[in-house]
Amino acid sequence: MEHTKKIKERLERGEPLPYVAQLNYEGIKYALTLTKDTYLDIAKKENTFVMHEWERDQRIKLFGKAIAEYLNYCLELADKGLLVKELRENGRFKKVSRRRGNRH
């Protein structure tokens, strides 16, 4: 796919991607709650609660779990037609921006 190829080329050149993501803070809370046990298991295995001291694959495991739970939350909202409703009515989605590559 041409679009995927262009994204890969930008990343290889070290260029940031445009940051147009929106966050759902209720989804973040949900993901953190469901990720707590994974965090505690890894901390016990690594003998420290300090994440930057963990093996890289353990950090990837934790962040992967959190991201997956967040996406599951958002997918559930989208499937029920609540994603746009929350955005419009509750203002729960906040646009975040990055200094470089900002589209806003």
Protein backbone atom coordinates (compact mmCIF):
# COMPACT_ATOMS: atom_id res chain seq x y z
CA MET A 1 0.00 0.00 0.00
CA GLU A 2 1.38 3.36 -1.02
CA HIS A 3 0.12 5.16 2.10
CA THR A 4 1.82 2.68 4.44
CA LYS A 5 5.03 3.00 2.43
CA LYS A 6 5.00 6.79 2.83
CA ILE A 7 4.47 6.51 6.58
CA LYS A 8 7.39 4.08 6.85
CA GLU A 9 9.63 6.42 4.86
CA ARG A 10 8.75 9.37 7.12
CA LEU A 11 9.55 7.35 10.21
CA GLU A 12 12.86 6.17 8.72
CA ARG A 13 13.80 9.82 8.13
CA GLY A 14 12.95 10.58 11.75
CA GLU A 15 10.01 12.82 10.87
CA PRO A 16 7.13 12.91 13.34
CA LEU A 17 3.71 11.87 12.18
CA PRO A 18 0.89 14.41 12.39
CA TYR A 19 -0.69 14.19 15.82
CA VAL A 20 -4.44 14.24 15.43
CA ALA A 21 -5.37 11.67 18.08
CA GLN A 22 -8.04 12.35 20.64
CA LEU A 23 -8.01 10.80 24.08
CA ASN A 24 -10.89 9.47 26.09
CA TYR A 25 -9.87 9.89 29.73
CA GLU A 26 -12.53 7.47 30.96
CA GLY A 27 -10.99 4.91 28.61
CA ILE A 28 -7.55 5.61 30.06
CA LYS A 29 -8.90 5.05 33.59
CA TYR A 30 -10.51 1.82 32.42
CA ALA A 31 -7.28 0.60 30.81
CA LEU A 32 -5.18 1.45 33.86
CA THR A 33 -7.57 -0.45 36.12
CA LEU A 34 -7.36 -3.56 33.94
CA THR A 35 -3.58 -3.27 33.60
CA LYS A 36 -2.81 -3.05 37.32
CA ASP A 37 -2.39 -6.81 37.82
CA THR A 38 -0.03 -7.02 34.84
CA TYR A 39 2.03 -4.17 36.30
CA LEU A 40 2.24 -5.85 39.70
CA ASP A 41 3.17 -9.23 38.16
CA ILE A 42 5.97 -7.67 36.12
CA ALA A 43 7.22 -5.60 39.08
CA LYS A 44 7.41 -8.76 41.18
CA LYS A 45 9.27 -10.63 38.44
CA GLU A 46 11.69 -7.74 37.85
CA ASN A 47 12.13 -7.11 41.63
CA THR A 48 11.37 -3.41 41.22
CA PHE A 49 8.41 -1.12 40.70
CA VAL A 50 10.58 1.27 38.67
CA MET A 51 9.59 0.64 35.05
CA HIS A 52 12.70 2.08 33.43
CA GLU A 53 14.71 -0.61 35.23
CA TRP A 54 12.63 -3.40 33.68
CA GLU A 55 13.67 -5.44 30.67
CA ARG A 56 12.41 -3.84 27.46
CA ASP A 57 10.14 -6.76 26.60
CA GLN A 58 8.41 -6.40 29.98
CA ARG A 59 7.75 -2.69 29.37
CA ILE A 60 6.40 -3.54 25.94
CA LYS A 61 4.14 -6.16 27.53
CA LEU A 62 2.74 -3.63 30.02
CA PHE A 63 2.19 -0.84 27.50
CA GLY A 64 0.75 -3.28 24.98
CA LYS A 65 -1.78 -4.48 27.56
CA ALA A 66 -2.77 -0.91 28.46
CA ILE A 67 -3.15 0.12 24.82
CA ALA A 68 -5.19 -2.98 24.00
CA GLU A 69 -7.56 -2.36 26.92
CA TYR A 70 -7.94 1.30 25.90
CA LEU A 71 -8.72 0.34 22.32
CA ASN A 72 -11.23 -2.27 23.51
CA TYR A 73 -12.99 0.43 25.53
CA CYS A 74 -13.14 2.81 22.57
CA LEU A 75 -14.29 0.03 20.24
CA GLU A 76 -17.13 -0.79 22.60
CA LEU A 77 -18.20 2.88 22.61
CA ALA A 78 -17.97 3.03 18.83
CA ASP A 79 -19.97 -0.19 18.39
CA LYS A 80 -22.75 1.27 20.52
CA GLY A 81 -22.63 4.63 18.75
CA LEU A 82 -21.48 6.39 21.90
CA LEU A 83 -18.08 7.59 20.73
CA VAL A 84 -19.34 10.63 18.81
CA LYS A 85 -22.05 11.24 21.40
CA GLU A 86 -19.42 11.51 24.17
CA LEU A 87 -17.31 13.79 22.05
CA ARG A 88 -20.16 16.16 21.32
CA GLU A 89 -22.12 16.12 24.56
CA ASN A 90 -19.69 15.44 27.37
CA GLY A 91 -16.47 16.91 26.08
CA ARG A 92 -14.69 13.82 27.36
CA PHE A 93 -12.46 13.68 24.33
CA LYS A 94 -9.65 16.18 24.50
CA LYS A 95 -7.49 17.04 21.54
CA VAL A 96 -3.83 16.85 22.31
CA SER A 97 -1.14 18.43 20.25
CA ARG A 98 2.54 18.05 19.68
CA ARG A 99 4.84 20.97 18.99
CA ARG A 100 6.28 19.44 15.84
CA GLY A 101 4.02 17.99 13.17
CA ASN A 102 0.91 19.56 14.66
CA ARG A 103 -2.06 19.81 12.29
CA HIS A 104 -4.18 22.06 14.52
